Amino acid sequence: MPIARAHHFVPQCYLASFAPGGKINVFDLESGKDPFSTNTKNVARERDFNRLDSDDLPPDALETAYAEFEGELAPVLKKLVSGGACSVDDFSYILTLMGVLAVRNPRYRANFADFQNNVRLKMLAMQLSSKERWERQLARMRKDGARRTI
């Protein structure tokens, strides 16, 4: 089975709720380009966005898990859009969707990467704050099995 490469960070079943006839209107606020209409398959996606680099899991394991969740979510959204009542189980799918939308997007990923980078820089600055501290760090690294330093 081929590996999915076009990964949506906004589920297509969610977008379909706003897309009569499968088309959605797109407004690119960053570029200021004129709005246009397109298929939900063409928006809120990025190549390999959910790809994993792991020795233990296939590269599309996360995308596969999201697809399974979205398959279960789709009928819940259709029921809600048509005015149906929300069961406790349905409500849990909606809450999970809210969490997924909050963290599965390029902006969140960039902010988290910036945070991680800032933490690394602060840790490095602490380790290099004095010659003595750096030498203690090197000694700990050698004790833990490091063979070579920069």
N, C-alpha and C. Protein backbone atom coordinates (compact mmCIF):
# COMPACT_ATOMS: atom_id res chain seq x y z
N MET A 1 0.85 -1.19 0.00
CA MET A 1 0.00 0.00 0.00
C MET A 1 0.89 1.24 0.00
N PRO A 2 0.61 2.19 -0.87
CA PRO A 2 1.46 3.39 -0.94
C PRO A 2 1.33 4.24 0.33
N ILE A 3 2.40 4.96 0.60
CA ILE A 3 2.43 5.85 1.77
C ILE A 3 1.81 7.18 1.39
N ALA A 4 0.87 7.64 2.21
CA ALA A 4 0.23 8.94 1.97
C ALA A 4 1.26 10.05 2.17
N ARG A 5 1.29 11.00 1.28
CA ARG A 5 2.27 12.09 1.36
C ARG A 5 1.60 13.45 1.55
N ALA A 6 0.36 13.63 1.05
CA ALA A 6 -0.36 14.90 1.19
C ALA A 6 -1.16 14.83 2.50
N HIS A 7 -0.60 15.41 3.54
CA HIS A 7 -1.19 15.33 4.88
C HIS A 7 -1.98 16.59 5.20
N HIS A 8 -3.23 16.43 5.56
CA HIS A 8 -4.07 17.56 5.93
C HIS A 8 -3.92 17.86 7.41
N PHE A 9 -3.72 19.13 7.74
CA PHE A 9 -3.68 19.51 9.16
C PHE A 9 -5.04 19.99 9.64
N VAL A 10 -5.96 20.20 8.73
CA VAL A 10 -7.38 20.38 9.07
C VAL A 10 -8.10 19.22 8.39
N PRO A 11 -8.78 18.38 9.16
CA PRO A 11 -9.42 17.20 8.57
C PRO A 11 -10.39 17.55 7.44
N GLN A 12 -10.32 16.78 6.37
CA GLN A 12 -11.22 17.02 5.23
C GLN A 12 -12.68 16.85 5.62
N CYS A 13 -12.96 15.91 6.54
CA CYS A 13 -14.36 15.72 6.94
C CYS A 13 -14.88 16.96 7.66
N TYR A 14 -14.00 17.69 8.33
CA TYR A 14 -14.39 18.95 8.99
C TYR A 14 -14.61 20.03 7.93
N LEU A 15 -13.67 20.13 6.99
CA LEU A 15 -13.81 21.11 5.91
C LEU A 15 -15.07 20.87 5.09
N ALA A 16 -15.41 19.59 4.91
CA ALA A 16 -16.59 19.24 4.11
C ALA A 16 -17.87 19.81 4.72
N SER A 17 -17.86 20.04 6.03
CA SER A 17 -19.03 20.63 6.69
C SER A 17 -19.30 22.04 6.19
N PHE A 18 -18.29 22.68 5.63
CA PHE A 18 -18.40 24.06 5.15
C PHE A 18 -18.32 24.12 3.62
N ALA A 19 -18.42 22.97 2.97
CA ALA A 19 -18.15 22.90 1.54
C ALA A 19 -19.27 22.21 0.77
N PRO A 20 -20.35 22.92 0.53
CA PRO A 20 -21.41 22.31 -0.28
C PRO A 20 -20.86 22.00 -1.68
N GLY A 21 -21.10 20.79 -2.12
CA GLY A 21 -20.58 20.40 -3.44
C GLY A 21 -19.09 20.11 -3.43
N GLY A 22 -18.49 20.00 -2.25
CA GLY A 22 -17.07 19.67 -2.16
C GLY A 22 -16.13 20.82 -2.38
N LYS A 23 -16.65 22.02 -2.60
CA LYS A 23 -15.81 23.21 -2.84
C LYS A 23 -15.83 24.10 -1.62
N ILE A 24 -14.70 24.74 -1.39
CA ILE A 24 -14.57 25.66 -0.26
C ILE A 24 -13.93 26.95 -0.75
N ASN A 25 -14.31 28.06 -0.18
CA ASN A 25 -13.71 29.35 -0.54
C ASN A 25 -12.47 29.57 0.31
N VAL A 26 -11.39 29.95 -0.35
CA VAL A 26 -10.10 30.11 0.30
C VAL A 26 -9.69 31.58 0.27
N PHE A 27 -9.29 32.08 1.43
CA PHE A 27 -8.78 33.44 1.58
C PHE A 27 -7.38 33.33 2.14
N ASP A 28 -6.37 33.71 1.37
CA ASP A 28 -4.99 33.67 1.83
C ASP A 28 -4.66 35.02 2.45
N LEU A 29 -4.74 35.09 3.77
CA LEU A 29 -4.53 36.35 4.47
C LEU A 29 -3.08 36.80 4.43
N GLU A 30 -2.14 35.87 4.32
CA GLU A 30 -0.72 36.24 4.31
C GLU A 30 -0.31 36.86 2.99
N SER A 31 -0.75 36.27 1.88
CA SER A 31 -0.32 36.78 0.57
C SER A 31 -1.20 37.91 0.06
N GLY A 32 -2.44 37.97 0.55
CA GLY A 32 -3.37 38.98 0.07
C GLY A 32 -3.93 38.69 -1.31
N LYS A 33 -3.71 37.46 -1.80
CA LYS A 33 -4.24 37.08 -3.12
C LYS A 33 -5.76 37.09 -3.08
N ASP A 34 -6.34 37.22 -4.26
CA ASP A 34 -7.79 37.19 -4.37
C ASP A 34 -8.33 35.84 -3.90
N PRO A 35 -9.51 35.84 -3.26
CA PRO A 35 -10.13 34.58 -2.84
C PRO A 35 -10.42 33.70 -4.04
N PHE A 36 -10.41 32.40 -3.81
CA PHE A 36 -10.74 31.45 -4.87
C PHE A 36 -11.47 30.26 -4.27
N SER A 37 -12.10 29.49 -5.12
CA SER A 37 -12.85 28.30 -4.71
C SER A 37 -12.09 27.07 -5.17
N THR A 38 -11.98 26.06 -4.29
CA THR A 38 -11.27 24.84 -4.65
C THR A 38 -11.83 23.66 -3.85
N ASN A 39 -11.42 22.48 -4.22
CA ASN A 39 -11.81 21.25 -3.55
C ASN A 39 -11.15 21.20 -2.17
N THR A 40 -11.83 20.59 -1.20
CA THR A 40 -11.25 20.49 0.15
C THR A 40 -9.95 19.70 0.17
N LYS A 41 -9.72 18.85 -0.84
CA LYS A 41 -8.46 18.10 -0.91
C LYS A 41 -7.26 19.02 -1.10
N ASN A 42 -7.49 20.24 -1.58
CA ASN A 42 -6.39 21.13 -1.95
C ASN A 42 -6.03 22.16 -0.89
N VAL A 43 -6.70 22.16 0.25
CA VAL A 43 -6.43 23.18 1.26
C VAL A 43 -6.02 22.54 2.59
N ALA A 44 -5.35 23.34 3.41
CA ALA A 44 -4.94 22.93 4.75
C ALA A 44 -4.17 21.62 4.72
N ARG A 45 -3.23 21.55 3.80
CA ARG A 45 -2.41 20.34 3.69
C ARG A 45 -0.97 20.72 3.41
N GLU A 46 -0.10 19.81 3.76
CA GLU A 46 1.33 20.01 3.54
C GLU A 46 1.95 18.64 3.30
N ARG A 47 2.86 18.57 2.38
CA ARG A 47 3.52 17.30 2.07
C ARG A 47 4.29 16.81 3.29
N ASP A 48 4.02 15.57 3.68
CA ASP A 48 4.71 14.88 4.78
C ASP A 48 4.58 15.59 6.13
N PHE A 49 3.53 16.36 6.33
CA PHE A 49 3.37 17.12 7.57
C PHE A 49 3.38 16.22 8.80
N ASN A 50 2.77 15.04 8.70
CA ASN A 50 2.68 14.12 9.84
C ASN A 50 3.68 12.96 9.74
N ARG A 51 4.65 13.08 8.86
CA ARG A 51 5.62 12.00 8.66
C ARG A 51 6.47 11.80 9.91
N LEU A 52 6.70 10.53 10.25
CA LEU A 52 7.54 10.18 11.39
C LEU A 52 8.87 9.64 10.89
N ASP A 53 9.93 10.02 11.56
CA ASP A 53 11.25 9.45 11.30
C ASP A 53 11.58 8.59 12.50
N SER A 54 11.24 7.30 12.41
CA SER A 54 11.37 6.39 13.54
C SER A 54 11.84 5.03 13.06
N ASP A 55 12.63 4.37 13.88
CA ASP A 55 13.04 3.01 13.57
C ASP A 55 11.93 2.01 13.90
N ASP A 56 11.00 2.42 14.78
CA ASP A 56 9.98 1.51 15.29
C ASP A 56 8.63 1.62 14.57
N LEU A 57 8.38 2.73 13.90
CA LEU A 57 7.07 2.96 13.29
C LEU A 57 7.21 3.31 11.82
N PRO A 58 6.22 2.94 11.01
CA PRO A 58 6.27 3.36 9.61
C PRO A 58 6.13 4.87 9.50
N PRO A 59 6.65 5.46 8.43
CA PRO A 59 6.63 6.93 8.30
C PRO A 59 5.23 7.53 8.30
N ASP A 60 4.23 6.74 7.90
CA ASP A 60 2.87 7.27 7.85
C ASP A 60 1.99 6.78 9.00
N ALA A 61 2.59 6.32 10.09
CA ALA A 61 1.82 5.79 11.23
C ALA A 61 0.91 6.86 11.83
N LEU A 62 1.40 8.07 11.98
CA LEU A 62 0.59 9.14 12.56
C LEU A 62 -0.54 9.53 11.60
N GLU A 63 -0.22 9.65 10.33
CA GLU A 63 -1.24 9.98 9.33
C GLU A 63 -2.32 8.89 9.28
N THR A 64 -1.91 7.64 9.40
CA THR A 64 -2.86 6.52 9.42
C THR A 64 -3.77 6.61 10.64
N ALA A 65 -3.20 6.94 11.80
CA ALA A 65 -4.00 7.09 13.02
C ALA A 65 -4.99 8.24 12.88
N TYR A 66 -4.53 9.35 12.32
CA TYR A 66 -5.44 10.48 12.09
C TYR A 66 -6.57 10.09 11.13
N ALA A 67 -6.24 9.34 10.10
CA ALA A 67 -7.27 8.92 9.13
C ALA A 67 -8.32 8.04 9.81
N GLU A 68 -7.88 7.17 10.70
CA GLU A 68 -8.83 6.33 11.44
C GLU A 68 -9.75 7.19 12.31
N PHE A 69 -9.16 8.14 13.03
CA PHE A 69 -9.96 9.04 13.86
C PHE A 69 -10.95 9.82 13.00
N GLU A 70 -10.48 10.35 11.88
CA GLU A 70 -11.35 11.16 11.02
C GLU A 70 -12.47 10.33 10.41
N GLY A 71 -12.21 9.04 10.16
CA GLY A 71 -13.26 8.16 9.68
C GLY A 71 -14.38 7.99 10.70
N GLU A 72 -14.01 7.99 11.98
CA GLU A 72 -15.00 7.89 13.05
C GLU A 72 -15.65 9.25 13.33
N LEU A 73 -14.92 10.32 13.09
CA LEU A 73 -15.42 11.68 13.33
C LEU A 73 -16.44 12.11 12.29
N ALA A 74 -16.25 11.72 11.04
CA ALA A 74 -17.08 12.21 9.93
C ALA A 74 -18.59 12.03 10.18
N PRO A 75 -19.06 10.85 10.60
CA PRO A 75 -20.51 10.73 10.82
C PRO A 75 -21.01 11.59 11.98
N VAL A 76 -20.16 11.83 12.96
CA VAL A 76 -20.54 12.70 14.09
C VAL A 76 -20.75 14.12 13.58
N LEU A 77 -19.83 14.61 12.75
CA LEU A 77 -19.98 15.96 12.20
C LEU A 77 -21.22 16.07 11.31
N LYS A 78 -21.45 15.05 10.49
CA LYS A 78 -22.64 15.07 9.62
C LYS A 78 -23.91 15.13 10.46
N LYS A 79 -23.95 14.37 11.56
CA LYS A 79 -25.12 14.37 12.43
C LYS A 79 -25.33 15.75 13.04
N LEU A 80 -24.24 16.37 13.51
CA LEU A 80 -24.36 17.69 14.13
C LEU A 80 -24.78 18.76 13.13
N VAL A 81 -24.21 18.71 11.93
CA VAL A 81 -24.55 19.69 10.90
C VAL A 81 -26.02 19.58 10.51
N SER A 82 -26.55 18.35 10.53
CA SER A 82 -27.96 18.16 10.16
C SER A 82 -28.91 18.42 11.32
N GLY A 83 -28.37 18.86 12.46
CA GLY A 83 -29.21 19.21 13.60
C GLY A 83 -29.46 18.09 14.58
N GLY A 84 -28.73 16.99 14.44
CA GLY A 84 -28.90 15.85 15.34
C GLY A 84 -28.36 16.14 16.73
N ALA A 85 -28.84 15.36 17.69
CA ALA A 85 -28.39 15.51 19.08
C ALA A 85 -27.00 14.92 19.26
N CYS A 86 -26.26 15.49 20.17
CA CYS A 86 -24.88 15.08 20.45
C CYS A 86 -24.86 14.15 21.66
N SER A 87 -24.43 12.90 21.46
CA SER A 87 -24.29 11.96 22.58
C SER A 87 -22.99 12.24 23.31
N VAL A 88 -22.79 11.57 24.43
CA VAL A 88 -21.54 11.72 25.18
C VAL A 88 -20.36 11.28 24.32
N ASP A 89 -20.51 10.18 23.61
CA ASP A 89 -19.43 9.72 22.72
C ASP A 89 -19.16 10.73 21.61
N ASP A 90 -20.23 11.27 21.04
CA ASP A 90 -20.07 12.30 20.00
C ASP A 90 -19.31 13.49 20.55
N PHE A 91 -19.67 13.89 21.75
CA PHE A 91 -19.02 15.04 22.38
C PHE A 91 -17.53 14.79 22.57
N SER A 92 -17.15 13.55 22.89
CA SER A 92 -15.72 13.25 23.06
C SER A 92 -14.98 13.39 21.73
N TYR A 93 -15.63 13.03 20.61
CA TYR A 93 -15.01 13.22 19.30
C TYR A 93 -14.82 14.71 19.00
N ILE A 94 -15.82 15.52 19.35
CA ILE A 94 -15.72 16.96 19.10
C ILE A 94 -14.60 17.57 19.94
N LEU A 95 -14.49 17.16 21.20
CA LEU A 95 -13.41 17.67 22.06
C LEU A 95 -12.05 17.25 21.53
N THR A 96 -11.95 16.01 21.07
CA THR A 96 -10.68 15.55 20.49
C THR A 96 -10.35 16.35 19.24
N LEU A 97 -11.35 16.61 18.40
CA LEU A 97 -11.14 17.44 17.21
C LEU A 97 -10.61 18.81 17.60
N MET A 98 -11.19 19.41 18.63
CA MET A 98 -10.73 20.74 19.07
C MET A 98 -9.26 20.68 19.49
N GLY A 99 -8.88 19.65 20.22
CA GLY A 99 -7.48 19.51 20.62
C GLY A 99 -6.56 19.30 19.43
N VAL A 100 -6.99 18.46 18.50
CA VAL A 100 -6.20 18.20 17.29
C VAL A 100 -6.02 19.48 16.48
N LEU A 101 -7.10 20.24 16.31
CA LEU A 101 -7.00 21.49 15.54
C LEU A 101 -6.07 22.50 16.23
N ALA A 102 -6.03 22.46 17.56
CA ALA A 102 -5.19 23.41 18.29
C ALA A 102 -3.70 23.13 18.11
N VAL A 103 -3.33 21.86 17.98
CA VAL A 103 -1.89 21.53 17.95
C VAL A 103 -1.39 20.99 16.61
N ARG A 104 -2.27 20.58 15.73
CA ARG A 104 -1.85 19.98 14.46
C ARG A 104 -1.96 21.02 13.35
N ASN A 105 -1.04 21.97 13.38
CA ASN A 105 -1.04 23.00 12.34
C ASN A 105 0.35 23.61 12.24
N PRO A 106 0.69 24.20 11.12
CA PRO A 106 2.04 24.74 10.92
C PRO A 106 2.43 25.81 11.94
N ARG A 107 1.51 26.67 12.33
CA ARG A 107 1.85 27.74 13.26
C ARG A 107 2.24 27.17 14.63
N TYR A 108 1.45 26.23 15.14
CA TYR A 108 1.77 25.61 16.43
C TYR A 108 3.12 24.91 16.35
N ARG A 109 3.34 24.18 15.27
CA ARG A 109 4.60 23.46 15.11
C ARG A 109 5.79 24.43 15.09
N ALA A 110 5.65 25.55 14.40
CA ALA A 110 6.73 26.54 14.35
C ALA A 110 6.95 27.16 15.72
N ASN A 111 5.88 27.49 16.43
CA ASN A 111 6.01 28.06 17.78
C ASN A 111 6.68 27.07 18.73
N PHE A 112 6.31 25.79 18.63
CA PHE A 112 6.91 24.78 19.49
C PHE A 112 8.39 24.59 19.15
N ALA A 113 8.73 24.62 17.86
CA ALA A 113 10.14 24.50 17.45
C ALA A 113 10.94 25.70 17.97
N ASP A 114 10.36 26.90 17.92
CA ASP A 114 11.04 28.08 18.48
C ASP A 114 11.27 27.92 19.97
N PHE A 115 10.26 27.43 20.68
CA PHE A 115 10.39 27.20 22.13
C PHE A 115 11.52 26.21 22.41
N GLN A 116 11.54 25.08 21.69
CA GLN A 116 12.59 24.09 21.88
C GLN A 116 13.97 24.68 21.60
N ASN A 117 14.08 25.46 20.55
CA ASN A 117 15.36 26.07 20.21
C ASN A 117 15.80 27.05 21.29
N ASN A 118 14.87 27.85 21.82
CA ASN A 118 15.21 28.78 22.90
C ASN A 118 15.68 28.04 24.14
N VAL A 119 15.04 26.93 24.47
CA VAL A 119 15.47 26.14 25.63
C VAL A 119 16.87 25.59 25.40
N ARG A 120 17.14 25.06 24.20
CA ARG A 120 18.48 24.54 23.90
C ARG A 120 19.53 25.64 24.02
N LEU A 121 19.23 26.82 23.49
CA LEU A 121 20.20 27.92 23.56
C LEU A 121 20.46 28.35 25.00
N LYS A 122 19.42 28.38 25.82
CA LYS A 122 19.60 28.75 27.22
C LYS A 122 20.41 27.70 27.97
N MET A 123 20.16 26.42 27.67
CA MET A 123 20.93 25.35 28.31
C MET A 123 22.40 25.43 27.89
N LEU A 124 22.63 25.68 26.62
CA LEU A 124 24.00 25.81 26.13
C LEU A 124 24.69 27.01 26.78
N ALA A 125 23.98 28.12 26.88
CA ALA A 125 24.55 29.32 27.52
C ALA A 125 24.92 29.02 28.97
N MET A 126 24.08 28.25 29.66
CA MET A 126 24.39 27.90 31.05
C MET A 126 25.64 27.02 31.11
N GLN A 127 25.74 26.04 30.21
CA GLN A 127 26.88 25.14 30.21
C GLN A 127 28.18 25.87 29.86
N LEU A 128 28.07 26.93 29.06
CA LEU A 128 29.26 27.67 28.65
C LEU A 128 29.48 28.94 29.47
N SER A 129 28.75 29.10 30.56
CA SER A 129 28.82 30.35 31.33
C SER A 129 30.18 30.54 32.01
N SER A 130 30.91 29.47 32.23
CA SER A 130 32.26 29.60 32.79
C SER A 130 33.09 28.40 32.35
N LYS A 131 34.39 28.57 32.37
CA LYS A 131 35.28 27.48 31.98
C LYS A 131 35.11 26.29 32.92
N GLU A 132 34.98 26.56 34.20
CA GLU A 132 34.83 25.49 35.19
C GLU A 132 33.54 24.68 34.94
N ARG A 133 32.47 25.39 34.70
CA ARG A 133 31.19 24.71 34.44
C ARG A 133 31.29 23.83 33.18
N TRP A 134 31.92 24.35 32.13
CA TRP A 134 32.08 23.59 30.91
C TRP A 134 32.94 22.35 31.15
N GLU A 135 34.00 22.48 31.91
CA GLU A 135 34.86 21.33 32.20
C GLU A 135 34.11 20.27 33.01
N ARG A 136 33.25 20.71 33.96
CA ARG A 136 32.42 19.75 34.71
C ARG A 136 31.46 19.03 33.76
N GLN A 137 30.91 19.78 32.82
CA GLN A 137 29.99 19.18 31.84
C GLN A 137 30.73 18.15 30.99
N LEU A 138 31.93 18.49 30.52
CA LEU A 138 32.72 17.54 29.73
C LEU A 138 33.02 16.28 30.53
N ALA A 139 33.39 16.43 31.80
CA ALA A 139 33.68 15.28 32.65
C ALA A 139 32.45 14.39 32.79
N ARG A 140 31.28 14.99 32.98
CA ARG A 140 30.03 14.20 33.08
C ARG A 140 29.75 13.46 31.77
N MET A 141 29.98 14.15 30.67
CA MET A 141 29.73 13.53 29.37
C MET A 141 30.67 12.34 29.15
N ARG A 142 31.94 12.50 29.50
CA ARG A 142 32.90 11.40 29.35
C ARG A 142 32.52 10.23 30.25
N LYS A 143 32.10 10.54 31.47
CA LYS A 143 31.68 9.51 32.42
C LYS A 143 30.48 8.73 31.86
N ASP A 144 29.60 9.44 31.15
CA ASP A 144 28.41 8.81 30.57
C ASP A 144 28.69 8.11 29.24
N GLY A 145 29.94 8.13 28.79
CA GLY A 145 30.30 7.38 27.60
C GLY A 145 30.63 8.19 26.37
N ALA A 146 30.59 9.50 26.45
CA ALA A 146 30.96 10.31 25.29
C ALA A 146 32.45 10.13 25.04
N ARG A 147 32.83 9.91 23.80
CA ARG A 147 34.24 9.67 23.49
C ARG A 147 34.92 10.87 22.88
N ARG A 148 34.12 11.75 22.32
CA ARG A 148 34.71 12.85 21.58
C ARG A 148 33.93 14.12 21.85
N THR A 149 34.63 15.20 21.97
CA THR A 149 33.97 16.49 22.13
C THR A 149 34.35 17.38 20.97
N ILE A 150 33.62 18.44 20.83
CA ILE A 150 33.87 19.38 19.73
C ILE A 150 35.14 20.15 19.99
